[in-house]
Protein backbone atom coordinates (compact mmCIF):
# COMPACT_ATOMS: atom_id res chain seq x y z
CA MET A 1 0.00 0.00 0.00
CA GLY A 2 2.98 2.26 -0.35
CA GLY A 3 3.04 3.28 3.30
CA VAL A 4 -0.50 4.73 3.22
CA ASN A 5 -2.21 4.48 6.61
CA TYR A 6 -5.86 3.35 6.47
CA SER A 7 -6.42 3.38 10.24
CA LEU A 8 -9.52 5.01 11.70
CA LYS A 9 -8.75 8.41 13.22
CA TYR A 10 -10.69 10.97 15.24
CA ALA A 11 -10.02 14.69 15.60
CA TYR A 12 -11.60 17.36 17.74
CA LYS A 13 -10.97 21.07 18.17
CA ASP A 14 -10.72 23.00 21.44
CA GLY A 15 -9.34 26.41 22.39
CA SER A 16 -5.78 25.39 21.59
CA GLY A 17 -6.47 23.81 18.17
CA TRP A 18 -7.07 20.45 16.55
CA HIS A 19 -6.27 17.17 18.29
CA PRO A 20 -6.15 14.07 16.04
CA THR A 21 -5.79 10.57 17.48
CA VAL A 22 -5.88 7.00 16.20
CA VAL A 23 -9.03 5.05 17.13
CA ASP A 24 -8.40 1.68 15.43
CA VAL A 25 -5.17 0.61 13.74
CA ALA A 26 -5.66 -1.00 10.33
CA ALA A 27 -3.68 -4.23 10.15
CA GLY A 28 -2.00 -5.27 6.91
CA SER A 29 -4.15 -4.36 3.91
CA GLU A 30 -7.19 -3.58 6.06
CA GLN A 31 -8.89 -0.23 5.46
CA HIS A 32 -11.33 1.61 7.72
CA GLN A 33 -13.94 3.59 5.86
CA TRP A 34 -17.61 4.61 5.62
CA THR A 35 -17.51 6.23 9.06
CA SER A 36 -20.33 7.96 10.95
CA ILE A 37 -20.01 9.79 14.29
CA GLU A 38 -22.29 10.94 17.10
CA LEU A 39 -21.65 12.44 20.55
CA ASP A 40 -23.37 11.04 23.64
CA SER A 41 -24.78 12.92 26.64
CA ASN A 42 -21.22 13.26 28.04
CA GLU A 43 -20.05 14.58 24.64
CA TYR A 44 -17.96 11.42 24.18
CA PRO A 45 -17.68 10.28 20.55
CA HIS A 46 -19.20 7.07 19.16
CA ILE A 47 -18.19 5.92 15.67
CA SER A 48 -19.50 3.25 13.28
CA TYR A 49 -17.27 2.13 10.42
CA HIS A 50 -16.50 -0.56 7.88
CA ALA A 51 -13.30 -2.63 8.00
CA TRP A 52 -12.56 -3.34 4.34
CA MET A 53 -10.80 -6.64 3.53
CA ALA A 54 -12.05 -8.11 6.81
CA GLY A 55 -15.56 -7.21 5.65
CA ASP A 56 -16.82 -6.26 9.12
CA LEU A 57 -19.16 -3.69 10.60
CA LYS A 58 -17.34 -2.18 13.58
CA TYR A 59 -18.21 0.23 16.38
CA ALA A 60 -15.98 2.30 18.66
CA ARG A 61 -16.74 4.60 21.60
CA TRP A 62 -14.67 6.75 23.90
CA ASP A 63 -15.37 5.93 27.58
CA GLY A 64 -13.47 8.92 28.99
CA SER A 65 -10.05 7.24 29.09
CA THR A 66 -9.79 4.67 26.26
CA TRP A 67 -11.43 3.66 23.01
CA GLN A 68 -13.73 0.65 23.37
CA LYS A 69 -14.00 -1.22 20.05
CA GLU A 70 -16.03 -4.19 18.89
CA THR A 71 -17.09 -6.01 15.74
CA VAL A 72 -20.87 -5.78 15.39
CA VAL A 73 -21.33 -7.99 12.31
CA SER A 74 -18.63 -10.17 10.78
CA THR A 75 -19.68 -11.45 7.36
CA ASP A 76 -18.14 -10.78 3.98
CA TYR A 77 -18.95 -7.32 2.63
CA VAL A 78 -21.13 -6.00 5.45
CA GLY A 79 -20.91 -2.65 7.18
CA LEU A 80 -20.67 -0.40 4.12
CA MET A 81 -22.19 3.09 4.06
CA THR A 82 -22.80 3.22 7.81
CA SER A 83 -25.02 5.77 9.50
CA LEU A 84 -25.01 6.07 13.30
CA GLU A 85 -27.46 7.56 15.79
CA LEU A 86 -27.59 7.37 19.60
CA ASP A 87 -30.90 7.01 21.41
CA SER A 88 -31.99 8.66 24.67
CA SER A 89 -30.02 6.01 26.62
CA ASP A 90 -26.88 6.63 24.53
CA TYR A 91 -27.31 3.20 22.91
CA PRO A 92 -26.04 3.00 19.31
CA HIS A 93 -28.28 2.42 16.29
CA ILE A 94 -26.62 1.82 12.92
CA THR A 95 -27.71 1.27 9.33
CA HIS A 96 -25.30 -0.45 6.96
CA TYR A 97 -25.25 -1.98 3.49
CA ASN A 98 -24.50 -5.65 2.78
CA TYR A 99 -22.82 -5.84 -0.62
CA THR A 100 -23.43 -9.60 -0.94
CA ASP A 101 -27.23 -9.62 -0.72
CA GLU A 102 -27.66 -5.89 -1.59
CA ILE A 103 -29.81 -5.32 1.49
CA LEU A 104 -29.87 -2.31 3.80
CA TYR A 105 -29.71 -3.48 7.43
CA TYR A 106 -30.45 -1.82 10.76
CA VAL A 107 -28.66 -2.93 13.94
CA TYR A 108 -29.02 -1.56 17.44
CA TRP A 109 -27.83 -2.24 20.99
CA ASP A 110 -30.75 -3.03 23.31
CA GLY A 111 -28.69 -2.86 26.50
CA ALA A 112 -27.75 -6.53 26.46
CA ALA A 113 -27.05 -7.56 22.87
CA TRP A 114 -26.98 -6.36 19.28
CA GLN A 115 -30.25 -6.81 17.39
CA SER A 116 -30.59 -6.73 13.60
CA ASP A 117 -33.37 -6.10 11.05
CA ALA A 118 -33.31 -6.28 7.27
CA ILE A 119 -35.03 -3.11 6.04
CA ASP A 120 -35.16 -3.36 2.25
CA SER A 121 -33.03 -3.78 -0.85
CA GLY A 122 -31.07 -0.54 -1.05
CA ALA A 123 -27.91 1.39 -0.25
CA TYR A 124 -26.60 4.84 0.75
CA GLY A 125 -28.73 4.88 3.89
CA SER A 126 -29.06 7.77 6.33
CA LEU A 127 -30.53 7.16 9.80
CA MET A 128 -32.42 9.35 12.25
CA LEU A 129 -34.27 8.48 15.47
CA ASP A 130 -37.51 10.21 16.39
CA SER A 131 -38.73 11.27 19.85
CA GLN A 132 -39.74 7.67 20.60
CA ASN A 133 -36.30 6.33 19.58
CA ARG A 134 -37.85 4.77 16.49
CA PRO A 135 -35.64 4.65 13.37
CA HIS A 136 -36.31 6.53 10.13
CA VAL A 137 -34.08 5.84 7.11
CA SER A 138 -33.60 7.37 3.67
CA TYR A 139 -31.87 5.32 0.97
CA GLY A 140 -31.58 4.56 -2.72
CA SER A 141 -33.39 1.45 -4.00
CA SER A 142 -33.89 0.27 -7.59
CA SER A 143 -32.46 3.65 -8.70
CA LYS A 144 -35.25 5.51 -6.80
CA LEU A 145 -35.31 7.44 -3.53
CA LYS A 146 -37.03 5.54 -0.72
CA TYR A 147 -37.88 6.24 2.90
CA ALA A 148 -38.55 3.71 5.66
CA TYR A 149 -39.63 4.02 9.26
CA PHE A 150 -40.38 1.59 12.08
CA ASN A 151 -43.90 2.05 13.46
CA GLY A 152 -43.30 0.04 16.64
CA SER A 153 -44.05 -3.38 15.16
CA ASP A 154 -43.14 -3.35 11.44
CA TRP A 155 -41.03 -1.46 8.92
CA GLN A 156 -43.05 0.74 6.58
CA THR A 157 -41.44 1.78 3.29
CA GLU A 158 -42.42 4.28 0.62
CA TYR A 159 -40.99 5.91 -2.50
CA ALA A 160 -40.09 9.57 -2.08
CA ASP A 161 -38.89 10.24 -5.67
CA THR A 162 -39.64 7.83 -8.51
CA SER A 163 -38.42 10.15 -11.29
CA LEU A 164 -34.79 9.06 -10.86
CA ASP A 165 -32.59 6.70 -12.83
CA GLY A 166 -30.04 6.43 -10.03
CA CYS A 167 -30.03 7.62 -6.41
CA GLN A 168 -27.00 7.87 -4.11
CA PHE A 169 -25.63 9.63 -1.01
CA THR A 170 -28.89 10.33 0.80
CA SER A 171 -28.99 12.40 3.99
CA LEU A 172 -32.03 12.52 6.26
CA ALA A 173 -33.32 15.00 8.84
CA LEU A 174 -36.59 15.08 10.84
CA ASP A 175 -38.29 18.38 11.60
CA ALA A 176 -40.18 19.36 14.77
CA ASN A 177 -43.23 17.44 13.52
CA GLU A 178 -40.98 14.45 12.71
CA PHE A 179 -41.65 14.75 8.99
CA ALA A 180 -38.78 13.62 6.77
CA HIS A 181 -36.46 15.93 4.81
CA ILE A 182 -33.97 14.26 2.47
CA SER A 183 -31.10 15.47 0.30
CA TYR A 184 -29.74 13.08 -2.35
CA LEU A 185 -27.83 12.79 -5.61
CA ASP A 186 -29.73 12.30 -8.84
CA VAL A 187 -27.04 10.19 -10.52
CA ASN A 188 -28.39 10.39 -14.07
CA GLY A 189 -29.07 14.11 -13.88
CA GLY A 190 -25.90 14.83 -11.91
CA THR A 191 -27.79 17.16 -9.58
CA LEU A 192 -28.35 17.52 -5.85
CA LYS A 193 -32.03 17.20 -4.99
CA TYR A 194 -34.20 17.73 -1.93
CA ALA A 195 -37.47 16.03 -0.98
CA HIS A 196 -39.67 16.54 2.04
CA ARG A 197 -43.06 15.64 3.40
CA GLU A 198 -45.20 18.59 4.47
CA SER A 199 -47.94 16.56 6.14
CA GLY A 200 -48.62 13.08 7.39
CA ALA A 201 -49.38 10.26 5.03
CA ALA A 202 -52.94 10.15 3.65
CA VAL A 203 -52.89 6.44 4.47
CA ASP A 204 -51.98 6.33 8.16
CA SER A 205 -51.80 2.57 8.66
CA VAL A 206 -52.87 -0.78 7.22
CA ASP A 207 -54.01 -3.83 9.18
CA LEU A 208 -53.12 -6.82 6.95
CA SER A 209 -53.89 -10.47 7.66
CA ALA A 210 -53.27 -13.75 5.81
CA ASN A 211 -55.63 -16.68 6.40
CA ALA A 212 -55.52 -20.17 4.89
CA LYS A 213 -58.58 -21.31 2.93
CA ASP A 214 -59.33 -24.51 1.06
CA ASP A 215 -58.53 -22.80 -2.24
CA GLY A 216 -55.56 -20.65 -1.19
CA VAL A 217 -54.50 -17.86 1.17
CA LEU A 218 -56.98 -15.03 1.66
CA LEU A 219 -55.37 -11.61 2.19
CA SER A 220 -57.63 -9.16 3.99
CA TRP A 221 -56.83 -5.59 4.98
CA SER A 222 -58.32 -2.47 6.45
CA ILE A 223 -56.87 0.97 5.76
CA VAL A 224 -56.87 3.82 8.27
CA GLY A 225 -56.83 7.20 6.52
CA ASP A 226 -57.82 8.32 3.04
CA GLU A 227 -58.68 5.78 0.34
CA PRO A 228 -55.62 5.30 -1.90
CA ALA A 229 -55.56 5.35 -5.71
CA SER A 230 -54.66 1.66 -5.88
CA VAL A 231 -53.19 -1.25 -3.93
CA SER A 232 -51.31 -4.41 -4.84
CA VAL A 233 -50.33 -7.57 -2.98
CA LEU A 234 -46.67 -8.62 -2.81
CA ARG A 235 -45.36 -11.98 -1.62
CA SER A 236 -42.08 -13.61 -0.70
CA VAL A 237 -41.51 -17.36 -0.35
CA ASN A 238 -39.27 -18.76 2.41
CA GLU A 239 -37.70 -15.30 3.00
CA ASN A 240 -36.71 -14.84 -0.65
CA GLN A 241 -37.09 -11.49 -2.41
CA SER A 242 -40.68 -10.24 -2.62
CA ILE A 243 -42.53 -10.12 -5.96
CA ALA A 244 -45.69 -8.35 -7.09
CA LEU A 245 -48.49 -10.88 -7.14
CA SER A 246 -51.97 -9.42 -7.60
CA GLY A 247 -51.39 -6.65 -10.10
CA GLU A 248 -53.00 -3.27 -9.48
CA LEU A 249 -56.25 -3.40 -7.49
CA THR A 250 -58.62 -0.52 -6.85
CA GLY A 251 -58.06 1.57 -3.74
CA SER A 252 -61.41 0.37 -2.35
CA ALA A 253 -60.37 -3.31 -2.47
CA THR A 254 -60.20 -5.04 0.93
CA SER A 255 -59.21 -8.62 0.06
CA TRP A 256 -57.49 -10.84 -2.50
CA LEU A 257 -57.09 -14.60 -2.77
CA ASP A 258 -53.69 -16.11 -3.55
CA VAL A 259 -54.39 -19.47 -5.19
CA SER A 260 -50.77 -20.23 -6.14
CA VAL A 261 -49.67 -21.67 -2.79
CA GLU A 262 -48.39 -25.03 -1.59
CA ALA A 263 -48.90 -26.82 1.72
CA GLY A 264 -45.98 -26.58 4.15
CA VAL A 265 -44.46 -23.50 2.51
CA GLU A 266 -43.89 -20.25 4.44
CA TYR A 267 -45.19 -17.11 2.76
CA ALA A 268 -44.91 -13.45 3.73
CA TYR A 269 -47.28 -10.85 2.27
CA TRP A 270 -47.17 -7.06 1.98
CA LEU A 271 -49.70 -4.54 0.75
CA GLU A 272 -48.23 -1.86 -1.50
CA VAL A 273 -50.36 1.29 -1.47
CA THR A 274 -50.25 4.02 -4.13
CA GLU A 275 -51.76 7.26 -2.87
CA LEU A 276 -53.46 9.92 -4.98
CA ASP A 277 -50.28 12.04 -5.10
CA GLY A 278 -48.25 9.08 -6.41
CA THR A 279 -46.62 8.23 -3.07
CA VAL A 280 -46.02 4.48 -2.81
CA SER A 281 -45.90 2.82 0.64
CA ARG A 282 -45.50 -0.78 1.68
CA PHE A 283 -47.19 -2.29 4.75
CA GLY A 284 -46.60 -5.69 6.32
CA PRO A 285 -45.52 -8.38 6.42
CA SER A 286 -48.24 -10.84 7.36
CA GLU A 287 -46.72 -14.30 7.51
CA ILE A 288 -48.27 -17.74 7.19
CA VAL A 289 -47.24 -21.36 6.70
CA VAL A 290 -49.87 -22.95 4.47
CA PRO A 291 -51.29 -25.97 6.31
CA GLY A 292 -52.09 -29.32 4.77
CA ALA A 293 -55.45 -31.05 4.98
CA VAL A 294 -57.63 -30.10 7.95
CA SER A 295 -57.16 -32.66 10.74
CA GLU A 296 -58.98 -31.09 13.69
CA LEU A 297 -61.57 -28.51 14.66
CA ALA A 298 -60.07 -25.00 14.77
CA LEU A 299 -61.31 -21.45 15.25
CA SER A 300 -59.09 -18.50 14.29
CA ASP A 301 -58.98 -15.17 16.12
CA PRO A 302 -61.65 -12.83 14.70
CA TYR A 303 -60.34 -10.17 12.29
CA PRO A 304 -60.00 -7.27 12.75
CA ASN A 305 -59.91 -7.31 16.52
CA PRO A 306 -60.91 -4.78 17.87
CA ALA A 307 -63.58 -4.21 15.20
CA SER A 308 -66.12 -1.46 14.63
CA ASP A 309 -68.65 -2.35 11.93
CA ALA A 310 -67.80 -5.89 10.84
CA LEU A 311 -65.39 -8.71 11.53
CA THR A 312 -64.46 -11.97 9.81
CA ILE A 313 -64.43 -15.32 11.60
CA SER A 314 -62.51 -18.25 10.06
CA TYR A 315 -62.74 -21.85 11.19
CA GLU A 316 -61.77 -25.38 10.13
CA LEU A 317 -63.82 -28.57 10.17
CA ALA A 318 -62.11 -31.95 10.14
CA VAL A 319 -65.31 -33.80 9.18
CA GLU A 320 -68.61 -32.99 7.53
CA GLY A 321 -71.49 -32.51 9.92
CA ALA A 322 -73.68 -30.17 11.95
CA VAL A 323 -72.06 -26.83 12.78
CA SER A 324 -73.09 -23.98 15.07
CA LEU A 325 -71.27 -20.63 15.14
CA SER A 326 -72.74 -18.06 17.51
CA VAL A 327 -71.98 -14.74 19.19
CA TYR A 328 -72.63 -14.26 22.92
CA ASP A 329 -72.12 -11.34 25.27
CA LEU A 330 -70.19 -11.78 28.52
CA SER A 331 -73.36 -12.52 30.45
CA GLY A 332 -73.94 -15.58 28.24
CA ARG A 333 -76.85 -14.05 26.30
CA LEU A 334 -77.07 -15.16 22.67
CA VAL A 335 -76.53 -12.11 20.44
CA GLU A 336 -76.62 -13.73 16.99
CA THR A 337 -76.32 -17.12 15.32
CA LEU A 338 -74.02 -16.89 12.31
CA VAL A 339 -74.04 -20.53 11.17
CA SER A 340 -76.47 -23.34 11.94
CA GLY A 341 -76.61 -26.49 9.82
CA ASN A 342 -74.48 -29.05 7.99
CA GLN A 343 -71.20 -28.02 6.37
CA THR A 344 -68.48 -29.89 4.49
CA ALA A 345 -65.06 -30.55 5.96
CA GLY A 346 -62.42 -27.89 5.25
CA ARG A 347 -61.86 -24.20 5.87
CA HIS A 348 -64.71 -21.74 6.17
CA SER A 349 -65.23 -18.09 7.04
CA VAL A 350 -68.19 -15.88 7.82
CA SER A 351 -68.65 -12.16 8.38
CA TRP A 352 -70.49 -10.72 11.37
CA ASP A 353 -72.15 -7.33 10.87
CA SER A 354 -71.41 -5.78 14.26
CA SER A 355 -72.52 -2.25 13.34
CA THR A 356 -75.50 -2.41 15.70
CA ALA A 357 -73.70 -4.24 18.52
CA ALA A 358 -72.86 -2.27 21.66
CA THR A 359 -69.23 -1.52 22.44
CA GLY A 360 -67.72 -4.28 24.55
CA VAL A 361 -66.34 -7.82 24.61
CA TYR A 362 -68.13 -10.71 22.89
CA LEU A 363 -67.59 -14.47 22.78
CA ILE A 364 -67.49 -16.31 19.44
CA ARG A 365 -68.40 -19.99 20.01
CA LEU A 366 -67.91 -22.77 17.45
CA GLU A 367 -69.58 -26.17 18.05
CA ALA A 368 -69.07 -29.21 15.80
CA ALA A 369 -68.45 -32.96 16.08
CA GLY A 370 -69.12 -32.88 19.83
CA GLU A 371 -66.46 -30.23 20.47
CA ALA A 372 -66.58 -26.50 21.20
CA ILE A 373 -64.06 -23.65 20.86
CA THR A 374 -64.52 -20.05 22.03
CA LYS A 375 -62.67 -16.86 21.02
CA ARG A 376 -63.04 -13.28 22.22
CA ALA A 377 -63.88 -10.33 19.98
CA VAL A 378 -63.83 -6.65 20.98
CA ILE A 379 -66.19 -4.10 19.46
CA SER A 380 -64.82 -0.58 19.79
CA ARG A 381 -65.85 2.73 18.25
């Protein structure tokens, strides 16, 4: 390397000038690059970086007397394009790019161990944490600008600029309302661009469920917020890359049946929502392993739960025979009989119109073949 030093260094300035120091010595042909720095509540520096040749994601922090260093992820070609943020407990959160699978990852220290999530296919990520310590990330994906955030249970992703033919070097900031502001390079145009959201998403959230039926997997969803322009169902098989499955459905659609499934296979589904302004967001996943033939009586949790105007109840019958499916209140009073009579073996579902039911907790009771199963449903408005 001709005597070039690729060690990680840190410099700070005080009243007497600049003070550089070595954080991590690069051994042999190793190179430390793609650094990101944050200061904690004691104004001590924390640094994420990539160790090229070793292929590691590394993390260093100053404890007041020495540099504490560790390898966070050690797999070929991980840890590129790091972005570091510290939460309210001074715990590190890092996004990094895996060159091998071309996935943008998010790792964080939970106080006991490092945890990791795969966000999306993409690179050039920039990370920010909101007031609840939830991560927001800008990045380039499929040559477009994308934005992802964690809502407390799932990652939600959306396109912020689809007019590009190449997107790199994104940088993200959140304003006082925690709306995203992003700067980025339009590679094809060779220009610096800026995108921001002035208001919350028209579609606030999506409740998506996947339920096995005799003829496939039924995807059902309810959308909170404005009705979108269109929706489409995406699916991945055994954690492979997701593909568009349903084609474009109307924004008023609430279900779709996937008939191209096999027993014993694990599927994950997302709902991709296109809003009236062209914004594209992805919600999910809802995961399911498609079961084989029905072997016993089963009653699924009602969906959605809580519900307001209607809910769907799915159940499985191992044998043909007399079936009773009823709704009771907590006092044991019969509210409504949904099914009464003979039915074939297999998977069934029925909808209960709960628009006139009082707010509260109800019992859904399935009786068949001398057995009974009960589930709870909550009506809330």
